[in-house]
N, C-alpha and C. Protein backbone atom coordinates (compact mmCIF):
# COMPACT_ATOMS: atom_id res chain seq x y z
N MET A 1 11.43 -9.44 -94.89
CA MET A 1 11.05 -8.19 -95.64
C MET A 1 9.74 -7.75 -95.90
N LYS A 2 8.72 -8.93 -95.87
CA LYS A 2 7.38 -8.40 -96.37
C LYS A 2 6.78 -7.62 -95.36
N ARG A 3 7.16 -7.85 -94.15
CA ARG A 3 6.53 -6.95 -92.73
C ARG A 3 6.79 -5.53 -93.09
N ILE A 4 7.95 -5.13 -93.84
CA ILE A 4 8.31 -3.83 -94.03
C ILE A 4 7.08 -3.27 -94.80
N PHE A 5 6.89 -3.82 -95.91
CA PHE A 5 5.88 -2.92 -96.57
C PHE A 5 4.59 -3.16 -96.45
N LYS A 6 4.30 -3.96 -95.65
CA LYS A 6 2.93 -3.87 -94.90
C LYS A 6 2.67 -2.77 -94.20
N THR A 7 3.44 -2.25 -93.63
CA THR A 7 3.28 -0.95 -92.83
C THR A 7 3.52 0.24 -93.76
N THR A 8 4.33 -0.02 -94.95
CA THR A 8 4.64 1.16 -95.57
C THR A 8 3.63 1.21 -96.81
N LEU A 9 2.24 1.66 -96.67
CA LEU A 9 1.29 1.52 -97.51
C LEU A 9 1.62 2.84 -98.33
N ALA A 10 0.38 3.12 -99.13
CA ALA A 10 0.95 3.75 -100.49
C ALA A 10 0.10 5.00 -100.15
N ALA A 11 0.05 5.57 -99.00
CA ALA A 11 -0.98 6.80 -98.77
C ALA A 11 0.25 8.03 -99.22
N SER A 12 1.26 8.25 -98.93
CA SER A 12 2.31 9.07 -99.18
C SER A 12 2.26 9.50 -100.76
N LEU A 13 1.83 8.54 -101.28
CA LEU A 13 1.91 8.77 -102.94
C LEU A 13 0.83 9.99 -103.31
N LEU A 14 -0.45 10.03 -102.41
CA LEU A 14 -1.31 10.99 -102.69
C LEU A 14 -1.52 12.19 -102.29
N ALA A 15 0.07 12.61 -101.44
CA ALA A 15 0.25 13.94 -101.02
C ALA A 15 -0.07 15.20 -101.90
N LEU A 16 -1.02 15.71 -101.52
CA LEU A 16 -1.55 17.14 -102.46
C LEU A 16 -1.95 18.00 -101.28
N SER A 17 -1.83 19.32 -102.08
CA SER A 17 -2.21 20.25 -100.66
C SER A 17 -3.59 20.53 -100.64
N ALA A 18 -4.18 21.20 -99.63
CA ALA A 18 -5.53 21.39 -99.51
C ALA A 18 -5.73 23.03 -99.18
N SER A 19 -6.87 23.31 -99.89
CA SER A 19 -7.45 24.69 -99.18
C SER A 19 -8.80 24.71 -99.21
N PRO A 20 -9.24 25.68 -98.60
CA PRO A 20 -10.74 26.04 -98.52
C PRO A 20 -11.50 26.06 -100.19
N ALA A 21 -12.39 25.46 -100.37
CA ALA A 21 -12.94 25.44 -101.36
C ALA A 21 -13.82 26.23 -102.19
N PHE A 22 -13.63 26.65 -103.32
CA PHE A 22 -13.94 27.71 -103.97
C PHE A 22 -15.40 27.25 -104.77
N ALA A 23 -15.96 28.06 -105.01
CA ALA A 23 -17.59 28.00 -105.66
C ALA A 23 -17.32 27.02 -106.93
N GLU A 24 -16.47 27.48 -107.69
CA GLU A 24 -16.23 26.65 -109.03
C GLU A 24 -15.01 25.76 -109.10
N CYS A 25 -15.37 24.51 -109.57
CA CYS A 25 -14.36 23.32 -109.24
C CYS A 25 -13.90 23.08 -110.67
N THR A 26 -12.53 22.64 -110.59
CA THR A 26 -12.43 22.07 -111.84
C THR A 26 -12.04 20.49 -111.75
N THR A 27 -12.65 19.81 -112.75
CA THR A 27 -13.10 18.20 -112.81
C THR A 27 -11.70 17.55 -113.61
N ILE A 28 -11.38 16.37 -113.34
CA ILE A 28 -10.75 15.50 -114.23
C ILE A 28 -11.24 15.74 -115.63
N GLN A 29 -12.40 15.62 -115.72
CA GLN A 29 -12.79 15.71 -117.45
C GLN A 29 -12.20 17.10 -118.02
N ASP A 30 -12.22 17.97 -117.14
CA ASP A 30 -11.89 19.29 -117.90
C ASP A 30 -10.49 19.05 -118.55
N GLY A 31 -9.80 18.16 -118.20
CA GLY A 31 -8.46 17.79 -119.03
C GLY A 31 -7.04 18.52 -118.54
N THR A 32 -7.09 19.52 -117.59
CA THR A 32 -6.03 20.24 -117.29
C THR A 32 -5.34 19.74 -115.74
N LEU A 33 -6.13 19.26 -115.16
CA LEU A 33 -5.32 18.54 -113.79
C LEU A 33 -4.06 17.67 -113.81
N LEU A 34 -3.06 18.11 -112.90
CA LEU A 34 -2.06 17.31 -112.92
C LEU A 34 -1.98 16.36 -111.72
N THR A 35 -1.20 15.58 -111.70
CA THR A 35 -0.71 14.76 -110.49
C THR A 35 0.30 15.31 -109.70
N SER A 36 0.89 15.04 -108.47
CA SER A 36 1.87 15.75 -107.91
C SER A 36 3.10 15.56 -108.41
N GLU A 37 3.62 14.61 -109.59
CA GLU A 37 4.70 14.41 -110.50
C GLU A 37 4.44 15.08 -111.52
N GLY A 38 3.33 15.94 -111.96
CA GLY A 38 3.29 16.82 -112.98
C GLY A 38 2.74 16.11 -114.11
N ASP A 39 2.05 14.89 -114.29
CA ASP A 39 1.47 14.35 -115.23
C ASP A 39 -0.10 14.72 -115.31
N LEU A 40 -0.49 14.74 -116.52
CA LEU A 40 -1.91 14.89 -116.69
C LEU A 40 -2.96 13.81 -116.16
N ILE A 41 -3.62 14.41 -115.37
CA ILE A 41 -4.77 13.43 -114.99
C ILE A 41 -6.01 13.20 -116.21
N PHE A 42 -6.20 11.87 -116.38
CA PHE A 42 -7.35 12.10 -117.20
C PHE A 42 -8.45 10.66 -116.63
N PRO A 43 -9.74 10.48 -117.29
CA PRO A 43 -10.71 9.70 -116.67
C PRO A 43 -9.94 8.02 -117.00
N GLY A 44 -10.18 7.25 -116.05
CA GLY A 44 -10.05 5.92 -116.32
C GLY A 44 -8.72 5.41 -115.63
N PHE A 45 -8.13 4.28 -115.75
CA PHE A 45 -6.89 3.86 -115.27
C PHE A 45 -5.62 4.66 -115.91
N ASN A 46 -4.69 5.08 -115.36
CA ASN A 46 -3.39 5.33 -116.23
C ASN A 46 -2.46 4.34 -116.25
N ASN A 47 -1.42 4.44 -116.76
CA ASN A 47 -0.31 3.43 -116.46
C ASN A 47 0.41 2.79 -115.59
N TRP A 48 0.13 3.72 -114.53
CA TRP A 48 0.54 3.02 -113.45
C TRP A 48 -0.68 2.28 -112.47
N GLY A 49 -1.65 2.51 -113.06
CA GLY A 49 -2.63 1.55 -112.09
C GLY A 49 -3.88 2.44 -111.42
N TYR A 50 -3.61 3.96 -111.28
CA TYR A 50 -4.44 4.61 -110.67
C TYR A 50 -5.47 5.44 -111.66
N ASN A 51 -6.50 5.25 -110.95
CA ASN A 51 -7.84 5.77 -111.51
C ASN A 51 -8.47 6.94 -110.50
N TYR A 52 -8.20 8.23 -110.68
CA TYR A 52 -8.32 8.92 -109.75
C TYR A 52 -9.96 9.58 -109.89
N GLN A 53 -10.36 9.17 -110.91
CA GLN A 53 -11.78 9.64 -110.85
C GLN A 53 -12.74 8.85 -110.11
N ALA A 54 -12.49 7.40 -110.25
CA ALA A 54 -12.87 6.48 -109.39
C ALA A 54 -12.40 6.31 -107.73
N GLN A 55 -11.32 6.90 -107.72
CA GLN A 55 -10.61 7.04 -106.44
C GLN A 55 -10.24 5.74 -105.91
N MET A 56 -9.26 5.17 -106.82
CA MET A 56 -8.79 3.80 -106.49
C MET A 56 -7.56 3.32 -107.23
N PHE A 57 -6.84 2.58 -106.70
CA PHE A 57 -5.68 2.12 -107.38
C PHE A 57 -5.71 0.60 -107.64
N ASN A 58 -5.20 0.08 -108.61
CA ASN A 58 -5.11 -1.32 -108.71
C ASN A 58 -4.26 -1.73 -109.52
N GLY A 59 -2.91 -2.50 -109.07
CA GLY A 59 -1.76 -2.62 -109.82
C GLY A 59 -0.96 -3.41 -109.33
N GLY A 60 0.59 -3.12 -109.49
CA GLY A 60 1.43 -3.80 -108.62
C GLY A 60 1.94 -2.76 -107.57
N TYR A 61 2.45 -3.41 -106.65
CA TYR A 61 2.80 -2.48 -105.49
C TYR A 61 4.06 -1.55 -105.75
N CYS A 62 4.80 -2.00 -106.37
CA CYS A 62 6.06 -0.92 -106.91
C CYS A 62 5.36 0.00 -108.21
N ASP A 63 4.32 -0.33 -108.79
CA ASP A 63 3.50 0.71 -109.68
C ASP A 63 3.13 1.46 -108.69
N ALA A 64 2.84 1.31 -107.77
CA ALA A 64 2.02 2.63 -106.74
C ALA A 64 2.98 3.55 -106.62
N TYR A 65 4.65 3.20 -106.51
CA TYR A 65 5.64 3.92 -106.29
C TYR A 65 6.34 4.52 -107.53
N ARG A 66 5.65 4.24 -108.72
CA ARG A 66 6.43 4.75 -109.93
C ARG A 66 7.46 3.66 -109.95
N ASP A 67 7.80 2.72 -109.78
CA ASP A 67 8.58 1.58 -109.92
C ASP A 67 9.93 2.28 -109.15
N ALA A 68 9.74 2.64 -108.18
CA ALA A 68 11.09 2.89 -107.33
C ALA A 68 11.99 2.00 -107.18
N GLY A 69 13.26 2.44 -106.95
CA GLY A 69 14.28 1.13 -106.96
C GLY A 69 14.42 0.56 -105.50
N TRP A 70 13.87 1.50 -104.56
CA TRP A 70 13.65 0.70 -103.18
C TRP A 70 12.40 -0.27 -103.01
N CYS A 71 11.89 -0.20 -104.05
CA CYS A 71 10.56 -1.26 -104.09
C CYS A 71 10.89 -2.52 -104.37
N GLN A 72 11.88 -2.64 -105.29
CA GLN A 72 12.01 -3.91 -106.39
C GLN A 72 11.95 -5.09 -105.52
N PRO A 73 12.27 -5.18 -104.33
CA PRO A 73 11.95 -6.44 -103.62
C PRO A 73 10.58 -6.85 -103.58
N TYR A 74 9.72 -5.92 -103.72
CA TYR A 74 8.25 -6.28 -103.35
C TYR A 74 7.71 -6.07 -104.81
N ALA A 75 8.10 -6.24 -105.74
CA ALA A 75 7.66 -6.27 -107.27
C ALA A 75 6.61 -7.10 -107.51
N ASP A 76 6.68 -8.31 -106.80
CA ASP A 76 6.02 -9.38 -107.41
C ASP A 76 4.36 -9.41 -106.59
N VAL A 77 4.42 -8.27 -105.82
CA VAL A 77 3.13 -7.98 -104.93
C VAL A 77 1.99 -6.86 -105.43
N ASP A 78 0.88 -7.43 -105.49
CA ASP A 78 -0.27 -6.92 -106.12
C ASP A 78 -1.12 -6.11 -105.14
N LEU A 79 -1.64 -4.98 -105.54
CA LEU A 79 -2.07 -3.85 -104.43
C LEU A 79 -3.26 -3.29 -105.23
N MET A 80 -4.45 -3.10 -104.08
CA MET A 80 -5.50 -2.29 -104.46
C MET A 80 -5.79 -1.53 -103.41
N MET A 81 -6.04 -0.19 -103.80
CA MET A 81 -6.21 0.74 -102.66
C MET A 81 -7.47 1.52 -103.04
N LYS A 82 -8.40 1.86 -102.30
CA LYS A 82 -9.60 2.58 -102.29
C LYS A 82 -9.67 3.86 -101.58
N TRP A 83 -10.08 5.11 -101.71
CA TRP A 83 -10.29 6.07 -100.51
C TRP A 83 -11.30 6.71 -100.83
N ASN A 84 -11.63 7.92 -99.87
CA ASN A 84 -12.62 8.90 -100.12
C ASN A 84 -12.35 10.11 -100.64
N SER A 85 -13.29 10.93 -100.81
CA SER A 85 -12.93 12.29 -101.18
C SER A 85 -11.92 13.17 -100.13
N ALA A 86 -12.43 12.79 -98.78
CA ALA A 86 -11.68 13.23 -98.08
C ALA A 86 -10.15 13.05 -98.03
N TRP A 87 -9.84 11.83 -98.30
CA TRP A 87 -8.44 11.53 -98.51
C TRP A 87 -7.74 12.30 -99.65
N LEU A 88 -8.39 12.05 -101.07
CA LEU A 88 -8.10 12.51 -102.27
C LEU A 88 -9.20 12.93 -103.13
N SER A 89 -9.50 13.91 -103.33
CA SER A 89 -10.67 14.13 -104.15
C SER A 89 -10.64 13.98 -105.69
N ASN A 90 -11.69 13.84 -106.13
CA ASN A 90 -11.41 13.73 -107.64
C ASN A 90 -11.78 14.97 -108.57
N LYS A 91 -11.73 16.09 -107.82
CA LYS A 91 -11.70 17.86 -108.05
C LYS A 91 -10.63 18.79 -107.57
N ASP A 92 -10.45 19.60 -108.32
CA ASP A 92 -9.75 20.65 -107.78
C ASP A 92 -10.71 22.14 -107.63
N CYS A 93 -10.91 22.23 -106.24
CA CYS A 93 -11.64 23.25 -105.80
C CYS A 93 -11.01 24.65 -105.33
N ASP A 94 -9.49 24.17 -104.80
CA ASP A 94 -8.98 25.64 -104.72
C ASP A 94 -8.09 26.35 -105.59
N GLY A 95 -8.20 25.91 -106.64
CA GLY A 95 -7.42 26.50 -107.74
C GLY A 95 -5.82 26.24 -108.08
N ASP A 96 -5.41 25.28 -107.54
CA ASP A 96 -3.87 24.99 -107.83
C ASP A 96 -3.39 24.00 -108.88
N GLY A 97 -4.58 23.50 -109.66
CA GLY A 97 -4.27 22.65 -110.53
C GLY A 97 -4.21 21.15 -110.26
N LYS A 98 -4.38 20.85 -108.98
CA LYS A 98 -4.25 19.58 -108.49
C LYS A 98 -5.34 19.13 -107.68
N LEU A 99 -5.62 17.84 -107.50
CA LEU A 99 -6.58 17.33 -107.12
C LEU A 99 -6.43 17.61 -105.37
N ASP A 100 -7.79 18.12 -104.69
CA ASP A 100 -7.63 18.31 -103.07
C ASP A 100 -7.55 17.29 -102.47
N ARG A 101 -6.82 17.43 -101.15
CA ARG A 101 -6.88 16.89 -100.21
C ARG A 101 -7.43 17.08 -99.00
N HIS A 102 -8.23 16.52 -98.20
CA HIS A 102 -9.30 17.03 -96.82
C HIS A 102 -9.63 18.14 -97.29
N PRO A 103 -10.55 18.44 -98.25
CA PRO A 103 -11.36 19.88 -98.71
C PRO A 103 -12.02 20.05 -97.88
N GLY A 104 -11.85 21.46 -97.19
CA GLY A 104 -12.75 22.29 -96.45
C GLY A 104 -12.22 21.96 -94.94
N SER A 105 -10.98 21.07 -94.65
CA SER A 105 -10.51 21.04 -93.28
C SER A 105 -9.01 21.51 -93.54
N ASP A 106 -8.57 22.02 -92.48
CA ASP A 106 -7.18 22.63 -92.47
C ASP A 106 -5.84 21.29 -92.63
N SER A 107 -6.49 20.18 -91.97
CA SER A 107 -5.49 19.16 -92.12
C SER A 107 -6.47 17.79 -91.90
N TYR A 108 -5.87 16.87 -92.14
CA TYR A 108 -6.67 15.16 -91.96
C TYR A 108 -7.38 15.08 -90.75
N ILE A 109 -6.87 15.62 -89.71
CA ILE A 109 -7.63 15.68 -88.29
C ILE A 109 -8.98 16.16 -88.75
N GLY A 110 -9.97 15.15 -88.25
CA GLY A 110 -11.30 15.78 -88.31
C GLY A 110 -11.81 15.72 -89.58
N SER A 111 -11.29 15.31 -90.70
CA SER A 111 -11.61 15.40 -91.99
C SER A 111 -12.63 14.35 -92.53
N GLY A 112 -12.71 13.21 -91.64
CA GLY A 112 -13.41 11.88 -91.95
C GLY A 112 -12.65 10.84 -93.13
N ALA A 113 -11.41 11.12 -93.61
CA ALA A 113 -11.12 10.75 -94.42
C ALA A 113 -10.66 9.47 -94.19
N TRP A 114 -10.61 8.39 -95.21
CA TRP A 114 -10.27 7.19 -95.23
C TRP A 114 -9.46 6.37 -96.03
N LEU A 115 -8.75 5.20 -96.28
CA LEU A 115 -8.00 4.69 -96.88
C LEU A 115 -8.07 3.22 -96.87
N THR A 116 -8.43 2.03 -97.73
CA THR A 116 -8.22 0.84 -97.47
C THR A 116 -7.06 0.30 -98.57
N ASN A 117 -6.22 -0.56 -97.95
CA ASN A 117 -5.15 -1.23 -98.87
C ASN A 117 -5.36 -2.71 -98.72
N HIS A 118 -5.42 -3.39 -99.86
CA HIS A 118 -5.52 -5.17 -100.06
C HIS A 118 -4.23 -5.25 -101.06
N MET A 119 -3.40 -6.18 -100.23
CA MET A 119 -2.14 -6.80 -100.85
C MET A 119 -2.36 -8.25 -100.97
N SER A 120 -1.52 -8.77 -102.14
CA SER A 120 -1.54 -9.91 -102.16
C SER A 120 -0.28 -10.43 -102.73
N GLY A 121 -0.02 -11.73 -102.85
CA GLY A 121 1.28 -12.14 -103.35
C GLY A 121 1.30 -13.83 -103.07
N LYS A 122 2.49 -14.43 -103.44
CA LYS A 122 2.63 -15.69 -103.00
C LYS A 122 3.99 -15.94 -102.31
N VAL A 123 3.84 -17.00 -101.52
CA VAL A 123 5.16 -17.43 -100.53
C VAL A 123 5.34 -18.77 -100.67
N GLU A 124 6.49 -19.14 -100.69
CA GLU A 124 6.93 -20.58 -100.74
C GLU A 124 6.73 -21.42 -99.19
N VAL A 125 5.94 -22.11 -99.06
CA VAL A 125 5.73 -23.12 -97.75
C VAL A 125 5.88 -24.34 -98.16
N ASN A 126 6.88 -24.95 -97.33
CA ASN A 126 7.19 -26.46 -97.64
C ASN A 126 7.40 -26.97 -99.26
N GLY A 127 8.09 -26.15 -100.06
CA GLY A 127 8.45 -26.27 -101.21
C GLY A 127 7.18 -25.94 -102.28
N LYS A 128 6.06 -25.43 -101.68
CA LYS A 128 4.81 -24.95 -102.38
C LYS A 128 4.56 -23.26 -102.77
N MET A 129 4.24 -22.97 -103.43
CA MET A 129 3.86 -21.54 -103.76
C MET A 129 2.44 -21.50 -102.94
N ARG A 130 2.07 -20.72 -102.00
CA ARG A 130 1.07 -20.33 -101.60
C ARG A 130 0.87 -19.31 -101.61
N LYS A 131 -0.60 -18.66 -101.76
CA LYS A 131 -1.15 -17.11 -101.68
C LYS A 131 -1.33 -16.66 -100.40
N TRP A 132 -0.84 -15.28 -100.02
CA TRP A 132 -1.21 -14.43 -99.27
C TRP A 132 -1.76 -13.46 -99.27
N THR A 133 -2.55 -13.05 -98.28
CA THR A 133 -3.31 -11.72 -98.36
C THR A 133 -3.32 -10.85 -97.23
N TYR A 134 -3.22 -9.43 -97.28
CA TYR A 134 -3.32 -8.44 -96.22
C TYR A 134 -4.20 -7.44 -96.47
N PHE A 135 -4.87 -7.21 -95.60
CA PHE A 135 -5.94 -5.92 -95.77
C PHE A 135 -5.94 -5.33 -94.57
N THR A 136 -6.12 -3.75 -94.82
CA THR A 136 -6.12 -2.81 -93.64
C THR A 136 -6.83 -1.54 -93.92
N LYS A 137 -7.56 -1.13 -92.94
CA LYS A 137 -8.47 0.13 -93.03
C LYS A 137 -7.73 1.39 -92.37
N ILE A 138 -7.77 2.45 -92.87
CA ILE A 138 -7.13 3.45 -91.96
C ILE A 138 -7.74 4.78 -92.28
N VAL A 139 -8.03 5.40 -90.79
CA VAL A 139 -8.89 6.85 -90.99
C VAL A 139 -8.17 7.77 -90.42
N ALA A 140 -8.46 8.70 -90.70
CA ALA A 140 -8.21 10.25 -89.98
C ALA A 140 -8.84 10.28 -88.65
N ALA A 141 -8.19 10.56 -87.66
CA ALA A 141 -8.62 11.03 -86.28
C ALA A 141 -9.79 11.86 -86.35
N PRO A 142 -10.64 11.77 -85.54
CA PRO A 142 -11.68 13.06 -85.20
C PRO A 142 -10.86 14.20 -84.59
N ASP A 143 -11.63 15.47 -84.69
CA ASP A 143 -11.10 16.47 -83.95
C ASP A 143 -10.69 16.30 -82.26
N ASP A 144 -11.95 15.74 -81.77
CA ASP A 144 -11.59 15.44 -80.32
C ASP A 144 -10.66 14.24 -79.90
N ALA A 145 -9.95 13.51 -80.57
CA ALA A 145 -9.33 12.26 -80.19
C ALA A 145 -8.17 12.89 -79.72
N THR A 146 -7.49 12.02 -78.88
CA THR A 146 -6.15 12.14 -77.95
C THR A 146 -5.08 11.18 -78.50
N LYS A 147 -3.99 11.33 -78.67
CA LYS A 147 -2.86 10.21 -78.80
C LYS A 147 -2.19 9.82 -77.46
N ALA A 148 -2.08 8.68 -77.16
CA ALA A 148 -1.30 8.29 -75.88
C ALA A 148 -0.48 7.02 -76.58
N PHE A 149 0.77 6.75 -75.62
CA PHE A 149 1.48 5.80 -75.86
C PHE A 149 1.08 4.55 -74.87
N ASP A 150 0.77 3.47 -75.70
CA ASP A 150 0.48 2.14 -75.02
C ASP A 150 1.72 1.62 -74.40
N ALA A 151 2.27 1.48 -73.36
CA ALA A 151 3.52 0.99 -72.98
C ALA A 151 3.56 -0.75 -73.27
N ALA A 152 2.43 -1.31 -72.96
CA ALA A 152 2.15 -2.75 -73.17
C ALA A 152 2.51 -3.42 -74.18
N ARG A 153 2.16 -2.56 -75.54
CA ARG A 153 2.18 -2.81 -76.88
C ARG A 153 3.31 -1.92 -77.80
N GLY A 154 3.97 -0.87 -76.88
CA GLY A 154 4.99 -0.03 -77.27
C GLY A 154 4.59 0.49 -78.58
N ILE A 155 3.16 1.17 -78.66
CA ILE A 155 2.82 1.90 -79.63
C ILE A 155 1.99 3.23 -79.47
N ASP A 156 2.02 4.19 -80.14
CA ASP A 156 1.20 5.12 -80.15
C ASP A 156 -0.41 4.96 -80.49
N VAL A 157 -1.52 5.24 -79.72
CA VAL A 157 -2.71 4.78 -80.05
C VAL A 157 -3.64 6.23 -79.94
N TRP A 158 -4.48 6.13 -81.07
CA TRP A 158 -5.52 7.23 -80.92
C TRP A 158 -6.68 6.83 -80.19
N TYR A 159 -7.26 7.69 -79.03
CA TYR A 159 -8.22 7.55 -78.33
C TYR A 159 -9.27 8.36 -78.50
N ALA A 160 -10.67 7.98 -78.60
CA ALA A 160 -11.76 8.86 -78.90
C ALA A 160 -12.15 9.80 -77.53
N ALA A 161 -12.83 10.63 -77.69
CA ALA A 161 -13.27 11.69 -76.48
C ALA A 161 -13.76 10.75 -75.36
N ASP A 162 -14.30 9.77 -75.46
CA ASP A 162 -14.83 9.09 -74.05
C ASP A 162 -13.86 7.80 -73.48
N GLY A 163 -12.57 7.82 -74.28
CA GLY A 163 -11.65 7.16 -73.84
C GLY A 163 -11.37 5.67 -74.83
N THR A 164 -12.60 5.70 -75.44
CA THR A 164 -12.52 4.15 -76.30
C THR A 164 -11.38 4.35 -77.60
N GLU A 165 -10.63 3.14 -77.61
CA GLU A 165 -9.73 3.11 -78.35
C GLU A 165 -10.00 3.07 -79.82
N ILE A 166 -9.37 4.07 -80.49
CA ILE A 166 -9.79 4.14 -82.08
C ILE A 166 -8.74 3.18 -82.68
N GLY A 167 -7.46 3.38 -82.38
CA GLY A 167 -6.51 2.22 -83.43
C GLY A 167 -5.20 2.76 -83.20
N PRO A 168 -3.99 2.18 -83.46
CA PRO A 168 -2.61 2.42 -83.52
C PRO A 168 -2.59 3.67 -84.26
N VAL A 169 -1.70 4.31 -84.29
CA VAL A 169 -1.39 5.50 -84.86
C VAL A 169 -0.32 5.22 -86.24
N ILE A 170 -0.81 5.73 -87.79
CA ILE A 170 0.03 5.76 -88.40
C ILE A 170 -0.09 6.89 -89.36
N TRP A 171 1.13 7.25 -89.72
CA TRP A 171 1.30 8.60 -90.77
C TRP A 171 0.87 9.82 -89.52
N ASP A 172 0.83 9.65 -88.27
CA ASP A 172 0.42 10.92 -87.05
C ASP A 172 -1.15 11.11 -87.35
N PHE A 173 -1.55 11.39 -88.17
CA PHE A 173 -2.84 12.03 -88.35
C PHE A 173 -4.05 10.82 -88.34
N PHE A 174 -3.51 9.61 -88.69
CA PHE A 174 -4.57 8.60 -88.78
C PHE A 174 -4.38 7.21 -87.79
N ALA A 175 -5.47 6.50 -87.80
CA ALA A 175 -5.41 5.56 -87.23
C ALA A 175 -5.78 4.12 -87.89
N THR A 176 -5.02 3.02 -87.75
CA THR A 176 -5.61 1.98 -88.26
C THR A 176 -6.70 1.37 -87.41
N ILE A 177 -7.78 0.92 -87.92
CA ILE A 177 -9.02 0.49 -87.26
C ILE A 177 -9.25 -1.00 -87.59
N GLU A 178 -8.58 -1.75 -88.91
CA GLU A 178 -8.63 -2.71 -88.97
C GLU A 178 -7.78 -3.39 -89.54
N THR A 179 -7.35 -4.90 -89.45
CA THR A 179 -5.85 -5.43 -90.22
C THR A 179 -6.35 -6.91 -90.16
N ILE A 180 -6.27 -7.32 -91.59
CA ILE A 180 -6.66 -8.84 -91.71
C ILE A 180 -5.59 -9.71 -92.36
N SER A 181 -4.93 -10.68 -92.00
CA SER A 181 -3.79 -11.15 -92.61
C SER A 181 -4.37 -12.70 -92.55
N ASN A 182 -3.96 -13.08 -93.88
CA ASN A 182 -3.85 -14.84 -94.35
C ASN A 182 -2.40 -14.89 -95.12
N ASP A 183 -1.75 -15.26 -94.12
CA ASP A 183 -0.45 -15.57 -94.72
C ASP A 183 0.04 -16.84 -93.84
N PRO A 184 0.24 -18.11 -94.86
CA PRO A 184 0.66 -19.44 -94.28
C PRO A 184 2.18 -19.61 -93.67
N SER A 185 2.82 -18.39 -94.39
CA SER A 185 4.20 -18.50 -94.07
C SER A 185 4.37 -18.16 -92.53
N ALA A 186 3.34 -16.97 -92.11
CA ALA A 186 3.77 -16.76 -90.72
C ALA A 186 2.34 -17.07 -89.71
N GLY A 187 1.77 -18.00 -90.35
CA GLY A 187 0.59 -18.57 -89.51
C GLY A 187 -0.47 -17.71 -89.13
N GLU A 188 -0.69 -16.79 -89.86
CA GLU A 188 -1.72 -15.53 -89.57
C GLU A 188 -2.97 -16.09 -90.39
N HIS A 189 -4.01 -16.14 -89.84
CA HIS A 189 -5.41 -16.62 -90.28
C HIS A 189 -6.47 -15.77 -89.76
N GLY A 190 -6.51 -14.72 -90.77
CA GLY A 190 -7.73 -13.81 -90.03
C GLY A 190 -7.54 -12.55 -89.57
N VAL A 191 -8.25 -12.12 -88.71
CA VAL A 191 -8.30 -10.48 -88.16
C VAL A 191 -7.38 -10.98 -87.13
N LEU A 192 -6.17 -9.59 -87.25
CA LEU A 192 -5.01 -9.25 -86.51
C LEU A 192 -5.44 -8.22 -85.54
N TYR A 193 -6.11 -7.43 -86.01
CA TYR A 193 -6.84 -6.21 -85.06
C TYR A 193 -8.07 -5.68 -85.55
N LYS A 194 -8.83 -5.17 -84.93
CA LYS A 194 -10.14 -4.74 -85.24
C LYS A 194 -10.38 -3.55 -83.91
N SER A 195 -10.75 -2.27 -84.41
CA SER A 195 -10.76 -1.27 -83.61
C SER A 195 -11.99 -1.62 -82.52
N PRO A 196 -11.79 -1.25 -81.34
CA PRO A 196 -12.93 -1.52 -80.11
C PRO A 196 -14.10 -0.35 -80.70
N ILE A 197 -13.62 0.42 -81.31
CA ILE A 197 -14.69 1.52 -81.48
C ILE A 197 -15.64 1.12 -83.01
N GLY A 198 -15.13 0.29 -83.68
CA GLY A 198 -15.65 -0.46 -84.71
C GLY A 198 -14.75 -0.25 -85.95
N PRO A 199 -14.86 -1.43 -87.15
CA PRO A 199 -14.06 -1.20 -88.01
C PRO A 199 -14.76 -0.66 -89.24
N GLY A 200 -15.92 -0.34 -89.07
CA GLY A 200 -16.59 0.17 -90.24
C GLY A 200 -16.27 1.30 -90.35
N PHE A 201 -16.52 2.44 -91.46
CA PHE A 201 -16.55 3.71 -91.76
C PHE A 201 -17.73 4.66 -91.42
N GLY A 202 -17.53 5.50 -90.83
CA GLY A 202 -18.87 6.27 -90.36
C GLY A 202 -18.56 6.64 -88.72
N HIS A 203 -18.05 5.77 -88.02
CA HIS A 203 -18.09 5.80 -86.68
C HIS A 203 -17.25 6.91 -86.09
N ILE A 204 -16.17 7.48 -86.74
CA ILE A 204 -15.47 8.25 -86.32
C ILE A 204 -15.26 9.70 -87.03
N ASP A 205 -16.17 10.07 -87.95
CA ASP A 205 -15.85 10.93 -88.90
C ASP A 205 -15.69 12.02 -88.26
N GLY A 206 -14.98 13.14 -88.76
CA GLY A 206 -14.71 14.23 -87.86
C GLY A 206 -16.00 15.30 -87.72
């Protein structure tokens, strides 16, 4: 079951609408902005582990999903997320009372948005509890990228304009550019995937 949540990362939690930026923006410090669940946003970490001002999450995997019932098999997993302003801003510049997503862009495509996820937990191996870790980087595909099916791997892949592979498609608009797993129960030790275009941010901003 661990494989299921590794690909079900927490980006869907941050689904907020975006519109062209206005001259005046509302900040978290103003004390009026709301989450998509209708909760007031304030500086620092909230009870679930989100720090929207610092653009990060640090808590339990299920806390990221507000302790949803489906998540309980993964309740012992720790999760840290970090993202940039194109993924989820810490301001409201479109006047809808919520934090902006891909501000200045009609969609995530070409926005330069990125997200990192770092998960960890313990698994029993030969009667002993061993730690496992899993890390991944996800970026929005650039405007001139194309999506194609890779029959050899059985997955859709984003490609840059020059044909260089960006990474496997995730959540339609995004590509996975790096995956690192250290899991003694699965025999995984190190990099599972690194984008040929480069795993660092800034290579494929929109």
